[in-house]
Amino acid sequence: MNEHLFIYLYSKIIVIQIMARKIDEDKINRIKESTMKMIVDHGIEATTIAMIAKNANVSGGYLYRIYSGKHDLINDLYSEKIVSLLNELEFLLALNPTTIEPIINAFVRNRIVYSINESIASKFYYQLLHNENFNLTEPLKLKNIGLLEIIKRIGIQSGEISKDISLFKLHYHLLIYPVDFINLKRKKAFGLEQSQDDDISYLTNNILKLLKM
């Protein structure tokens, strides 16, 4: 085989491999989007791998090549979301190393924007947040605790957080409470939930008050 032919064939193989990876990435993205939609529409228990595969336009066999089952797939999506949230907190901490008010304000704002722009993903995350079958991995738990400890230290030093507050309460008030508020309001469960322009300041001020108790 001459050198030019070898280079030509080698380049063709590389192109084919790149295209195959791109196809796989597209399929995996469709599977993830399908999983979120099926669970939001039908609930976690009623959703099946067959439903997810059909909606994603992939075969069940292909899906099982990537994930061992529904629980594995959902856990992967949940972990991705938690990683994204913790990375966001890490970034906000780097921008605001001496006060927590702008961190809380930006975090709340981002949750509201996310619920509007990524409605399905937001509802999916909310369901998992209150499902005992899906938990953080140990590395994510440790990262979460580490970030909360930094936020607590900054808040105590700035006088924005009570020195007696537990990490559990800090976790709830900062990471769970705004998500619960946004989703309860979105459901319009009581017919009282009018559209408000001050949700960001309302939630930020409430969280700051709770953290000083």
N, C-alpha and C. Protein backbone atom coordinates (compact mmCIF):
# COMPACT_ATOMS: atom_id res chain seq x y z
N MET A 1 0.85 -1.20 0.00
CA MET A 1 0.00 0.00 0.00
C MET A 1 0.89 1.25 0.00
N ASN A 2 0.67 2.16 -0.97
CA ASN A 2 1.51 3.35 -0.99
C ASN A 2 1.07 4.34 0.09
N GLU A 3 1.94 5.30 0.35
CA GLU A 3 1.72 6.24 1.47
C GLU A 3 0.47 7.08 1.28
N HIS A 4 0.20 7.54 0.07
CA HIS A 4 -0.96 8.40 -0.19
C HIS A 4 -2.28 7.64 0.04
N LEU A 5 -2.30 6.38 -0.40
CA LEU A 5 -3.50 5.56 -0.20
C LEU A 5 -3.73 5.31 1.28
N PHE A 6 -2.65 5.05 2.02
CA PHE A 6 -2.75 4.81 3.45
C PHE A 6 -3.32 6.03 4.16
N ILE A 7 -2.82 7.22 3.83
CA ILE A 7 -3.29 8.46 4.44
C ILE A 7 -4.76 8.69 4.12
N TYR A 8 -5.15 8.41 2.88
CA TYR A 8 -6.55 8.58 2.46
C TYR A 8 -7.47 7.66 3.25
N LEU A 9 -7.11 6.37 3.35
CA LEU A 9 -7.94 5.40 4.06
C LEU A 9 -8.01 5.72 5.55
N TYR A 10 -6.88 6.13 6.10
CA TYR A 10 -6.83 6.46 7.53
C TYR A 10 -7.74 7.65 7.83
N SER A 11 -7.70 8.67 6.95
CA SER A 11 -8.54 9.84 7.16
C SER A 11 -10.02 9.49 7.05
N LYS A 12 -10.36 8.57 6.14
CA LYS A 12 -11.76 8.12 6.00
C LYS A 12 -12.23 7.42 7.27
N ILE A 13 -11.36 6.60 7.86
CA ILE A 13 -11.71 5.88 9.10
C ILE A 13 -11.97 6.88 10.23
N ILE A 14 -11.11 7.91 10.32
CA ILE A 14 -11.28 8.93 11.36
C ILE A 14 -12.61 9.65 11.19
N VAL A 15 -12.95 10.00 9.96
CA VAL A 15 -14.22 10.69 9.68
C VAL A 15 -15.40 9.82 10.08
N ILE A 16 -15.34 8.54 9.73
CA ILE A 16 -16.42 7.60 10.08
C ILE A 16 -16.57 7.49 11.59
N GLN A 17 -15.43 7.42 12.31
CA GLN A 17 -15.48 7.32 13.77
C GLN A 17 -16.09 8.58 14.39
N ILE A 18 -15.73 9.74 13.85
CA ILE A 18 -16.28 11.00 14.36
C ILE A 18 -17.79 11.05 14.12
N MET A 19 -18.22 10.62 12.93
CA MET A 19 -19.65 10.62 12.62
C MET A 19 -20.41 9.65 13.51
N ALA A 20 -19.80 8.50 13.80
CA ALA A 20 -20.44 7.51 14.68
C ALA A 20 -20.60 8.06 16.09
N ARG A 21 -19.57 8.78 16.57
CA ARG A 21 -19.66 9.38 17.90
C ARG A 21 -20.74 10.44 17.94
N LYS A 22 -20.83 11.21 16.85
CA LYS A 22 -21.86 12.26 16.78
C LYS A 22 -23.25 11.65 16.79
N ILE A 23 -23.44 10.57 16.07
CA ILE A 23 -24.73 9.88 16.05
C ILE A 23 -25.07 9.38 17.45
N ASP A 24 -24.07 8.79 18.14
CA ASP A 24 -24.29 8.29 19.49
C ASP A 24 -24.66 9.43 20.44
N GLU A 25 -23.97 10.56 20.33
CA GLU A 25 -24.27 11.71 21.18
C GLU A 25 -25.70 12.19 20.95
N ASP A 26 -26.10 12.25 19.69
CA ASP A 26 -27.48 12.67 19.38
C ASP A 26 -28.50 11.71 19.98
N LYS A 27 -28.22 10.42 19.86
CA LYS A 27 -29.14 9.41 20.41
C LYS A 27 -29.23 9.51 21.93
N ILE A 28 -28.08 9.68 22.57
CA ILE A 28 -28.07 9.77 24.04
C ILE A 28 -28.82 11.01 24.50
N ASN A 29 -28.63 12.13 23.78
CA ASN A 29 -29.37 13.35 24.13
C ASN A 29 -30.87 13.14 23.96
N ARG A 30 -31.26 12.44 22.90
CA ARG A 30 -32.69 12.16 22.69
C ARG A 30 -33.24 11.26 23.81
N ILE A 31 -32.43 10.30 24.22
CA ILE A 31 -32.85 9.40 25.31
C ILE A 31 -33.06 10.19 26.59
N LYS A 32 -32.14 11.10 26.90
CA LYS A 32 -32.26 11.90 28.12
C LYS A 32 -33.48 12.81 28.07
N GLU A 33 -33.68 13.47 26.95
CA GLU A 33 -34.85 14.35 26.80
C GLU A 33 -36.14 13.55 26.87
N SER A 34 -36.14 12.38 26.26
CA SER A 34 -37.32 11.51 26.29
C SER A 34 -37.62 11.05 27.71
N THR A 35 -36.58 10.69 28.45
CA THR A 35 -36.76 10.24 29.83
C THR A 35 -37.43 11.31 30.66
N MET A 36 -36.95 12.53 30.55
CA MET A 36 -37.52 13.63 31.34
C MET A 36 -38.98 13.86 30.95
N LYS A 37 -39.27 13.86 29.66
CA LYS A 37 -40.64 14.11 29.22
C LYS A 37 -41.59 13.00 29.65
N MET A 38 -41.18 11.74 29.49
CA MET A 38 -42.03 10.62 29.87
C MET A 38 -42.34 10.63 31.37
N ILE A 39 -41.34 10.97 32.17
CA ILE A 39 -41.53 10.98 33.62
C ILE A 39 -42.40 12.15 34.04
N VAL A 40 -42.22 13.30 33.42
CA VAL A 40 -43.08 14.45 33.72
C VAL A 40 -44.51 14.16 33.31
N ASP A 41 -44.70 13.51 32.16
CA ASP A 41 -46.05 13.23 31.65
C ASP A 41 -46.74 12.06 32.35
N HIS A 42 -45.96 11.03 32.72
CA HIS A 42 -46.56 9.80 33.22
C HIS A 42 -46.14 9.40 34.63
N GLY A 43 -45.14 10.06 35.18
CA GLY A 43 -44.65 9.69 36.51
C GLY A 43 -43.53 8.68 36.43
N ILE A 44 -42.74 8.60 37.48
CA ILE A 44 -41.57 7.72 37.50
C ILE A 44 -41.97 6.25 37.41
N GLU A 45 -42.93 5.84 38.21
CA GLU A 45 -43.30 4.42 38.28
C GLU A 45 -43.93 3.93 36.97
N ALA A 46 -44.75 4.76 36.35
CA ALA A 46 -45.46 4.34 35.13
C ALA A 46 -44.58 4.37 33.89
N THR A 47 -43.51 5.12 33.93
CA THR A 47 -42.63 5.23 32.76
C THR A 47 -41.79 3.96 32.61
N THR A 48 -41.70 3.45 31.40
CA THR A 48 -40.93 2.24 31.12
C THR A 48 -39.81 2.54 30.12
N ILE A 49 -38.84 1.64 30.07
CA ILE A 49 -37.75 1.76 29.09
C ILE A 49 -38.32 1.76 27.67
N ALA A 50 -39.33 0.94 27.42
CA ALA A 50 -39.94 0.87 26.09
C ALA A 50 -40.54 2.22 25.69
N MET A 51 -41.19 2.89 26.64
CA MET A 51 -41.78 4.20 26.37
C MET A 51 -40.69 5.22 26.05
N ILE A 52 -39.63 5.19 26.84
CA ILE A 52 -38.52 6.12 26.64
C ILE A 52 -37.87 5.90 25.28
N ALA A 53 -37.60 4.64 24.95
CA ALA A 53 -36.94 4.30 23.68
C ALA A 53 -37.80 4.72 22.49
N LYS A 54 -39.10 4.44 22.57
CA LYS A 54 -40.00 4.78 21.46
C LYS A 54 -40.05 6.28 21.24
N ASN A 55 -40.17 7.04 22.33
CA ASN A 55 -40.24 8.49 22.22
C ASN A 55 -38.93 9.09 21.71
N ALA A 56 -37.80 8.43 22.05
CA ALA A 56 -36.48 8.90 21.62
C ALA A 56 -36.13 8.41 20.21
N ASN A 57 -36.98 7.54 19.66
CA ASN A 57 -36.74 6.96 18.34
C ASN A 57 -35.44 6.16 18.29
N VAL A 58 -35.23 5.35 19.35
CA VAL A 58 -34.10 4.43 19.37
C VAL A 58 -34.64 3.06 19.78
N SER A 59 -33.87 2.03 19.56
CA SER A 59 -34.30 0.69 19.96
C SER A 59 -34.05 0.48 21.45
N GLY A 60 -34.85 -0.38 22.05
CA GLY A 60 -34.62 -0.72 23.45
C GLY A 60 -33.25 -1.33 23.66
N GLY A 61 -32.81 -2.12 22.67
CA GLY A 61 -31.50 -2.75 22.76
C GLY A 61 -30.38 -1.73 22.81
N TYR A 62 -30.51 -0.67 22.01
CA TYR A 62 -29.49 0.39 22.02
C TYR A 62 -29.45 1.06 23.39
N LEU A 63 -30.63 1.33 23.95
CA LEU A 63 -30.69 2.00 25.25
C LEU A 63 -30.01 1.16 26.32
N TYR A 64 -30.25 -0.16 26.27
CA TYR A 64 -29.64 -1.05 27.27
C TYR A 64 -28.13 -1.19 27.09
N ARG A 65 -27.63 -0.83 25.90
CA ARG A 65 -26.18 -0.81 25.71
C ARG A 65 -25.53 0.31 26.51
N ILE A 66 -26.29 1.37 26.76
CA ILE A 66 -25.76 2.55 27.44
C ILE A 66 -26.07 2.52 28.93
N TYR A 67 -27.29 2.09 29.26
CA TYR A 67 -27.74 2.09 30.66
C TYR A 67 -28.24 0.70 31.04
N SER A 68 -28.04 0.34 32.30
CA SER A 68 -28.46 -0.98 32.76
C SER A 68 -29.97 -1.08 32.94
N GLY A 69 -30.62 0.07 33.07
CA GLY A 69 -32.07 0.08 33.25
C GLY A 69 -32.58 1.48 33.54
N LYS A 70 -33.85 1.59 33.84
CA LYS A 70 -34.48 2.90 34.07
C LYS A 70 -33.85 3.63 35.25
N HIS A 71 -33.61 2.91 36.33
CA HIS A 71 -33.06 3.53 37.53
C HIS A 71 -31.67 4.12 37.25
N ASP A 72 -30.87 3.39 36.51
CA ASP A 72 -29.52 3.85 36.16
C ASP A 72 -29.60 5.10 35.29
N LEU A 73 -30.51 5.12 34.35
CA LEU A 73 -30.70 6.26 33.46
C LEU A 73 -31.14 7.49 34.23
N ILE A 74 -32.12 7.32 35.12
CA ILE A 74 -32.62 8.46 35.91
C ILE A 74 -31.54 8.97 36.85
N ASN A 75 -30.81 8.04 37.47
CA ASN A 75 -29.72 8.45 38.36
C ASN A 75 -28.67 9.27 37.63
N ASP A 76 -28.38 8.89 36.40
CA ASP A 76 -27.40 9.61 35.59
C ASP A 76 -27.87 11.05 35.33
N LEU A 77 -29.14 11.19 34.99
CA LEU A 77 -29.70 12.52 34.75
C LEU A 77 -29.72 13.35 36.03
N TYR A 78 -30.08 12.72 37.14
CA TYR A 78 -30.12 13.42 38.42
C TYR A 78 -28.73 13.90 38.82
N SER A 79 -27.74 13.04 38.64
CA SER A 79 -26.36 13.41 38.97
C SER A 79 -25.88 14.56 38.11
N GLU A 80 -26.24 14.53 36.82
CA GLU A 80 -25.86 15.62 35.91
C GLU A 80 -26.42 16.96 36.42
N LYS A 81 -27.67 16.95 36.86
CA LYS A 81 -28.31 18.18 37.34
C LYS A 81 -27.64 18.66 38.62
N ILE A 82 -27.34 17.75 39.53
CA ILE A 82 -26.71 18.15 40.79
C ILE A 82 -25.31 18.70 40.53
N VAL A 83 -24.57 18.06 39.62
CA VAL A 83 -23.24 18.56 39.26
C VAL A 83 -23.35 19.99 38.73
N SER A 84 -24.35 20.23 37.87
CA SER A 84 -24.56 21.56 37.31
C SER A 84 -24.87 22.59 38.39
N LEU A 85 -25.72 22.21 39.35
CA LEU A 85 -26.08 23.12 40.44
C LEU A 85 -24.87 23.43 41.32
N LEU A 86 -24.09 22.42 41.66
CA LEU A 86 -22.93 22.63 42.52
C LEU A 86 -21.86 23.45 41.82
N ASN A 87 -21.70 23.22 40.52
CA ASN A 87 -20.74 24.03 39.75
C ASN A 87 -21.19 25.50 39.71
N GLU A 88 -22.50 25.69 39.62
CA GLU A 88 -23.05 27.05 39.64
C GLU A 88 -22.76 27.73 40.97
N LEU A 89 -22.99 27.01 42.06
CA LEU A 89 -22.71 27.55 43.39
C LEU A 89 -21.23 27.88 43.54
N GLU A 90 -20.39 26.99 43.04
CA GLU A 90 -18.95 27.19 43.11
C GLU A 90 -18.56 28.48 42.38
N PHE A 91 -19.14 28.69 41.20
CA PHE A 91 -18.86 29.89 40.41
C PHE A 91 -19.33 31.14 41.14
N LEU A 92 -20.53 31.10 41.72
CA LEU A 92 -21.06 32.26 42.44
C LEU A 92 -20.23 32.58 43.68
N LEU A 93 -19.71 31.54 44.33
CA LEU A 93 -18.84 31.75 45.49
C LEU A 93 -17.54 32.44 45.09
N ALA A 94 -17.02 32.07 43.94
CA ALA A 94 -15.78 32.69 43.45
C ALA A 94 -16.00 34.17 43.16
N LEU A 95 -17.21 34.52 42.71
CA LEU A 95 -17.53 35.91 42.41
C LEU A 95 -17.84 36.73 43.65
N ASN A 96 -18.31 36.05 44.70
CA ASN A 96 -18.76 36.74 45.92
C ASN A 96 -18.15 36.09 47.16
N PRO A 97 -16.89 36.31 47.43
CA PRO A 97 -16.21 35.61 48.53
C PRO A 97 -16.45 36.20 49.92
N THR A 98 -17.19 37.33 50.02
CA THR A 98 -17.34 37.97 51.33
C THR A 98 -18.79 38.17 51.77
N THR A 99 -19.76 37.87 50.90
CA THR A 99 -21.16 38.06 51.25
C THR A 99 -22.02 37.02 50.53
N ILE A 100 -23.11 36.60 51.16
CA ILE A 100 -23.93 35.55 50.55
C ILE A 100 -25.20 36.08 49.88
N GLU A 101 -25.57 37.34 50.15
CA GLU A 101 -26.81 37.87 49.55
C GLU A 101 -26.80 37.81 48.02
N PRO A 102 -25.72 38.25 47.35
CA PRO A 102 -25.73 38.15 45.88
C PRO A 102 -25.69 36.71 45.38
N ILE A 103 -25.11 35.80 46.17
CA ILE A 103 -25.10 34.38 45.80
C ILE A 103 -26.52 33.84 45.80
N ILE A 104 -27.25 34.11 46.87
CA ILE A 104 -28.63 33.64 46.98
C ILE A 104 -29.50 34.28 45.90
N ASN A 105 -29.34 35.57 45.70
CA ASN A 105 -30.13 36.29 44.71
C ASN A 105 -29.93 35.71 43.31
N ALA A 106 -28.67 35.49 42.93
CA ALA A 106 -28.38 34.95 41.59
C ALA A 106 -28.86 33.51 41.47
N PHE A 107 -28.69 32.73 42.54
CA PHE A 107 -29.11 31.33 42.51
C PHE A 107 -30.62 31.22 42.35
N VAL A 108 -31.37 32.04 43.08
CA VAL A 108 -32.83 32.05 42.97
C VAL A 108 -33.25 32.51 41.57
N ARG A 109 -32.62 33.57 41.07
CA ARG A 109 -32.94 34.07 39.74
C ARG A 109 -32.75 32.97 38.68
N ASN A 110 -31.65 32.24 38.81
CA ASN A 110 -31.36 31.17 37.85
C ASN A 110 -32.38 30.04 37.92
N ARG A 111 -32.88 29.75 39.14
CA ARG A 111 -33.90 28.71 39.26
C ARG A 111 -35.20 29.14 38.56
N ILE A 112 -35.56 30.40 38.70
CA ILE A 112 -36.78 30.90 38.06
C ILE A 112 -36.63 30.89 36.54
N VAL A 113 -35.49 31.37 36.05
CA VAL A 113 -35.23 31.37 34.61
C VAL A 113 -35.24 29.94 34.06
N TYR A 114 -34.63 29.03 34.81
CA TYR A 114 -34.57 27.63 34.40
C TYR A 114 -35.96 27.02 34.31
N SER A 115 -36.82 27.35 35.28
CA SER A 115 -38.18 26.80 35.28
C SER A 115 -38.99 27.29 34.09
N ILE A 116 -38.64 28.47 33.58
CA ILE A 116 -39.34 29.03 32.43
C ILE A 116 -38.77 28.49 31.12
N ASN A 117 -37.45 28.53 31.00
CA ASN A 117 -36.79 28.15 29.74
C ASN A 117 -36.65 26.64 29.56
N GLU A 118 -36.56 25.91 30.67
CA GLU A 118 -36.40 24.45 30.62
C GLU A 118 -37.49 23.81 31.47
N SER A 119 -38.72 24.02 31.06
CA SER A 119 -39.87 23.62 31.87
C SER A 119 -39.88 22.12 32.18
N ILE A 120 -39.66 21.28 31.16
CA ILE A 120 -39.69 19.83 31.35
C ILE A 120 -38.58 19.39 32.29
N ALA A 121 -37.37 19.87 32.05
CA ALA A 121 -36.22 19.50 32.89
C ALA A 121 -36.43 19.97 34.32
N SER A 122 -37.02 21.15 34.49
CA SER A 122 -37.28 21.69 35.83
C SER A 122 -38.28 20.82 36.59
N LYS A 123 -39.35 20.43 35.90
CA LYS A 123 -40.36 19.57 36.53
C LYS A 123 -39.79 18.19 36.86
N PHE A 124 -38.96 17.68 35.97
CA PHE A 124 -38.30 16.39 36.18
C PHE A 124 -37.43 16.42 37.44
N TYR A 125 -36.62 17.46 37.56
CA TYR A 125 -35.74 17.60 38.72
C TYR A 125 -36.56 17.71 40.00
N TYR A 126 -37.66 18.44 39.94
CA TYR A 126 -38.52 18.60 41.12
C TYR A 126 -39.06 17.25 41.59
N GLN A 127 -39.46 16.40 40.65
CA GLN A 127 -39.96 15.07 41.02
C GLN A 127 -38.89 14.25 41.72
N LEU A 128 -37.67 14.29 41.19
CA LEU A 128 -36.59 13.49 41.78
C LEU A 128 -36.18 14.03 43.14
N LEU A 129 -36.30 15.33 43.30
CA LEU A 129 -35.91 15.97 44.56
C LEU A 129 -36.71 15.42 45.73
N HIS A 130 -37.92 14.96 45.44
CA HIS A 130 -38.80 14.46 46.50
C HIS A 130 -39.06 12.95 46.38
N ASN A 131 -38.16 12.26 45.73
CA ASN A 131 -38.27 10.81 45.59
C ASN A 131 -37.11 10.15 46.34
N GLU A 132 -37.44 9.32 47.32
CA GLU A 132 -36.41 8.73 48.18
C GLU A 132 -35.54 7.69 47.48
N ASN A 133 -35.94 7.28 46.29
CA ASN A 133 -35.18 6.24 45.59
C ASN A 133 -33.95 6.78 44.86
N PHE A 134 -33.81 8.09 44.82
CA PHE A 134 -32.69 8.68 44.09
C PHE A 134 -31.92 9.62 45.02
N ASN A 135 -30.65 9.28 45.23
CA ASN A 135 -29.82 10.03 46.16
C ASN A 135 -28.51 10.44 45.51
N LEU A 136 -27.83 11.37 46.15
CA LEU A 136 -26.53 11.81 45.66
C LEU A 136 -25.48 10.72 45.84
N THR A 137 -24.52 10.69 44.93
CA THR A 137 -23.36 9.81 45.11
C THR A 137 -22.51 10.40 46.23
N GLU A 138 -21.63 9.58 46.80
CA GLU A 138 -20.78 10.05 47.89
C GLU A 138 -19.90 11.25 47.49
N PRO A 139 -19.26 11.22 46.30
CA PRO A 139 -18.47 12.41 45.91
C PRO A 139 -19.29 13.68 45.83
N LEU A 140 -20.54 13.56 45.32
CA LEU A 140 -21.40 14.74 45.23
C LEU A 140 -21.86 15.21 46.61
N LYS A 141 -22.11 14.26 47.49
CA LYS A 141 -22.46 14.62 48.88
C LYS A 141 -21.34 15.42 49.53
N LEU A 142 -20.11 14.95 49.33
CA LEU A 142 -18.95 15.62 49.93
C LEU A 142 -18.75 17.01 49.33
N LYS A 143 -18.94 17.13 48.02
CA LYS A 143 -18.80 18.44 47.39
C LYS A 143 -19.88 19.39 47.88
N ASN A 144 -21.10 18.89 48.01
CA ASN A 144 -22.22 19.69 48.51
C ASN A 144 -21.93 20.20 49.92
N ILE A 145 -21.48 19.30 50.78
CA ILE A 145 -21.16 19.67 52.17
C ILE A 145 -20.05 20.71 52.20
N GLY A 146 -19.02 20.52 51.36
CA GLY A 146 -17.90 21.46 51.33
C GLY A 146 -18.34 22.86 50.92
N LEU A 147 -19.21 22.95 49.92
CA LEU A 147 -19.70 24.26 49.47
C LEU A 147 -20.59 24.91 50.53
N LEU A 148 -21.42 24.11 51.18
CA LEU A 148 -22.29 24.63 52.24
C LEU A 148 -21.45 25.16 53.40
N GLU A 149 -20.38 24.47 53.72
CA GLU A 149 -19.50 24.93 54.81
C GLU A 149 -18.86 26.28 54.46
N ILE A 150 -18.48 26.45 53.21
CA ILE A 150 -17.90 27.73 52.78
C ILE A 150 -18.95 28.84 52.87
N ILE A 151 -20.17 28.55 52.39
CA ILE A 151 -21.25 29.54 52.45
C ILE A 151 -21.56 29.91 53.90
N LYS A 152 -21.58 28.90 54.76
CA LYS A 152 -21.84 29.16 56.18
C LYS A 152 -20.75 30.04 56.79
N ARG A 153 -19.51 29.74 56.48
CA ARG A 153 -18.39 30.53 57.03
C ARG A 153 -18.46 31.98 56.56
N ILE A 154 -18.73 32.18 55.27
CA ILE A 154 -18.86 33.54 54.74
C ILE A 154 -20.02 34.26 55.40
N GLY A 155 -21.16 33.56 55.52
CA GLY A 155 -22.35 34.16 56.11
C GLY A 155 -22.18 34.54 57.56
N ILE A 156 -21.49 33.71 58.32
CA ILE A 156 -21.24 34.02 59.73
C ILE A 156 -20.33 35.24 59.83
N GLN A 157 -19.28 35.27 59.02
CA GLN A 157 -18.34 36.40 59.04
C GLN A 157 -18.99 37.71 58.62
N SER A 158 -19.95 37.63 57.69
CA SER A 158 -20.61 38.85 57.21
C SER A 158 -21.83 39.21 58.05
N GLY A 159 -22.20 38.34 59.00
CA GLY A 159 -23.35 38.59 59.85
C GLY A 159 -24.68 38.25 59.19
N GLU A 160 -24.63 37.50 58.08
CA GLU A 160 -25.86 37.16 57.35
C GLU A 160 -26.44 35.81 57.76
N ILE A 161 -25.67 35.00 58.47
CA ILE A 161 -26.11 33.66 58.87
C ILE A 161 -25.84 33.48 60.37
N SER A 162 -26.78 32.85 61.05
CA SER A 162 -26.59 32.51 62.46
C SER A 162 -25.51 31.44 62.58
N LYS A 163 -24.64 31.58 63.56
CA LYS A 163 -23.58 30.58 63.76
C LYS A 163 -24.14 29.24 64.20
N ASP A 164 -25.41 29.23 64.64
CA ASP A 164 -26.02 28.00 65.14
C ASP A 164 -26.76 27.21 64.05
N ILE A 165 -26.86 27.75 62.85
CA ILE A 165 -27.62 27.05 61.82
C ILE A 165 -26.89 25.78 61.40
N SER A 166 -27.63 24.71 61.17
CA SER A 166 -27.04 23.44 60.74
C SER A 166 -26.87 23.43 59.22
N LEU A 167 -25.98 22.56 58.75
CA LEU A 167 -25.79 22.42 57.31
C LEU A 167 -27.05 21.89 56.64
N PHE A 168 -27.79 21.05 57.38
CA PHE A 168 -29.05 20.52 56.84
C PHE A 168 -30.02 21.66 56.54
N LYS A 169 -30.19 22.59 57.51
CA LYS A 169 -31.11 23.71 57.31
C LYS A 169 -30.61 24.64 56.20
N LEU A 170 -29.31 24.85 56.16
CA LEU A 170 -28.74 25.67 55.10
C LEU A 170 -29.01 25.05 53.73
N HIS A 171 -28.84 23.74 53.65
CA HIS A 171 -29.10 23.01 52.41
C HIS A 171 -30.57 23.17 52.00
N TYR A 172 -31.47 22.99 52.96
CA TYR A 172 -32.89 23.08 52.64
C TYR A 172 -33.28 24.50 52.19
N HIS A 173 -32.91 25.48 52.99
CA HIS A 173 -33.33 26.85 52.71
C HIS A 173 -32.77 27.36 51.37
N LEU A 174 -31.56 26.97 51.05
CA LEU A 174 -30.92 27.48 49.84
C LEU A 174 -31.25 26.66 48.60
N LEU A 175 -31.24 25.33 48.72
CA LEU A 175 -31.35 24.47 47.54
C LEU A 175 -32.74 23.88 47.30
N ILE A 176 -33.52 23.71 48.36
CA ILE A 176 -34.83 23.04 48.22
C ILE A 176 -35.98 24.04 48.25
N TYR A 177 -35.96 24.94 49.21
CA TYR A 177 -37.08 25.88 49.39
C TYR A 177 -37.43 26.66 48.12
N PRO A 178 -36.45 27.28 47.41
CA PRO A 178 -36.84 28.02 46.20
C PRO A 178 -37.44 27.13 45.12
N VAL A 179 -36.94 25.90 44.99
CA VAL A 179 -37.48 24.97 43.99
C VAL A 179 -38.91 24.59 44.34
N ASP A 180 -39.16 24.33 45.63
CA ASP A 180 -40.52 24.01 46.07
C ASP A 180 -41.47 25.18 45.81
N PHE A 181 -41.03 26.37 46.14
CA PHE A 181 -41.87 27.56 45.95
C PHE A 181 -42.21 27.75 44.48
N ILE A 182 -41.21 27.67 43.62
CA ILE A 182 -41.41 27.88 42.18
C ILE A 182 -42.38 26.85 41.60
N ASN A 183 -42.22 25.59 42.01
CA ASN A 183 -43.07 24.54 41.45
C ASN A 183 -44.48 24.57 42.01
N LEU A 184 -44.63 24.92 43.28
CA LEU A 184 -45.97 25.04 43.84
C LEU A 184 -46.72 26.19 43.18
N LYS A 185 -46.01 27.27 42.94
CA LYS A 185 -46.63 28.42 42.28
C LYS A 185 -46.99 28.08 40.84
N ARG A 186 -46.14 27.30 40.17
CA ARG A 186 -46.40 26.93 38.78
C ARG A 186 -47.64 26.05 38.66
N LYS A 187 -47.88 25.22 39.69
CA LYS A 187 -49.06 24.34 39.66
C LYS A 187 -50.36 25.11 39.80
N LYS A 188 -50.29 26.31 40.41
CA LYS A 188 -51.48 27.11 40.70
C LYS A 188 -52.52 26.26 41.44
N ALA A 189 -52.01 25.56 42.45
CA ALA A 189 -52.83 24.58 43.17
C ALA A 189 -54.00 25.21 43.91
N PHE A 190 -53.82 26.46 44.37
CA PHE A 190 -54.85 27.07 45.20
C PHE A 190 -55.62 28.18 44.49
N GLY A 191 -55.26 28.44 43.24
CA GLY A 191 -55.94 29.50 42.50
C GLY A 191 -55.61 30.89 42.99
N LEU A 192 -54.56 31.02 43.81
CA LEU A 192 -54.19 32.31 44.38
C LEU A 192 -52.87 32.83 43.83
N GLU A 193 -52.20 32.00 43.03
CA GLU A 193 -50.84 32.30 42.63
C GLU A 193 -50.80 33.22 41.42
N GLN A 194 -50.80 34.50 41.67
CA GLN A 194 -50.70 35.48 40.60
C GLN A 194 -49.24 35.64 40.18
N SER A 195 -49.06 36.03 38.95
CA SER A 195 -47.71 36.29 38.47
C SER A 195 -47.15 37.50 39.20
N GLN A 196 -45.96 37.34 39.78
CA GLN A 196 -45.34 38.41 40.55
C GLN A 196 -43.98 38.75 39.95
N ASP A 197 -43.66 40.03 39.98
CA ASP A 197 -42.35 40.46 39.49
C ASP A 197 -41.30 40.43 40.59
N ASP A 198 -41.73 40.23 41.82
CA ASP A 198 -40.79 40.34 42.94
C ASP A 198 -40.44 38.99 43.54
N ASP A 199 -40.64 37.90 42.80
CA ASP A 199 -40.33 36.57 43.35
C ASP A 199 -38.86 36.44 43.75
N ILE A 200 -37.97 37.03 42.97
CA ILE A 200 -36.54 36.91 43.27
C ILE A 200 -36.22 37.58 44.60
N SER A 201 -36.67 38.83 44.77
CA SER A 201 -36.38 39.53 46.03
C SER A 201 -37.15 38.91 47.19
N TYR A 202 -38.37 38.44 46.92
CA TYR A 202 -39.17 37.78 47.97
C TYR A 202 -38.46 36.55 48.51
N LEU A 203 -38.02 35.68 47.60
CA LEU A 203 -37.34 34.45 48.01
C LEU A 203 -35.98 34.76 48.65
N THR A 204 -35.24 35.69 48.06
CA THR A 204 -33.93 36.04 48.61
C THR A 204 -34.06 36.56 50.03
N ASN A 205 -34.99 37.46 50.25
CA ASN A 205 -35.19 38.04 51.59
C ASN A 205 -35.66 37.00 52.58
N ASN A 206 -36.56 36.11 52.14
CA ASN A 206 -37.05 35.04 53.01
C ASN A 206 -35.92 34.11 53.44
N ILE A 207 -35.10 33.72 52.48
CA ILE A 207 -33.99 32.80 52.77
C ILE A 207 -33.02 33.46 53.75
N LEU A 208 -32.70 34.73 53.53
CA LEU A 208 -31.78 35.43 54.42
C LEU A 208 -32.36 35.51 55.85
N LYS A 209 -33.65 35.74 55.95
CA LYS A 209 -34.29 35.77 57.27
C LYS A 209 -34.21 34.41 57.95
N LEU A 210 -34.49 33.34 57.18
CA LEU A 210 -34.45 31.99 57.73
C LEU A 210 -33.04 31.61 58.20
N LEU A 211 -32.05 32.07 57.48
CA LEU A 211 -30.67 31.72 57.82
C LEU A 211 -30.16 32.43 59.06
N LYS A 212 -30.85 33.48 59.47
CA LYS A 212 -30.43 34.21 60.68
C LYS A 212 -31.16 33.74 61.93
N MET A 213 -32.13 32.84 61.73
CA MET A 213 -32.92 32.37 62.89
C MET A 213 -32.12 31.39 63.73
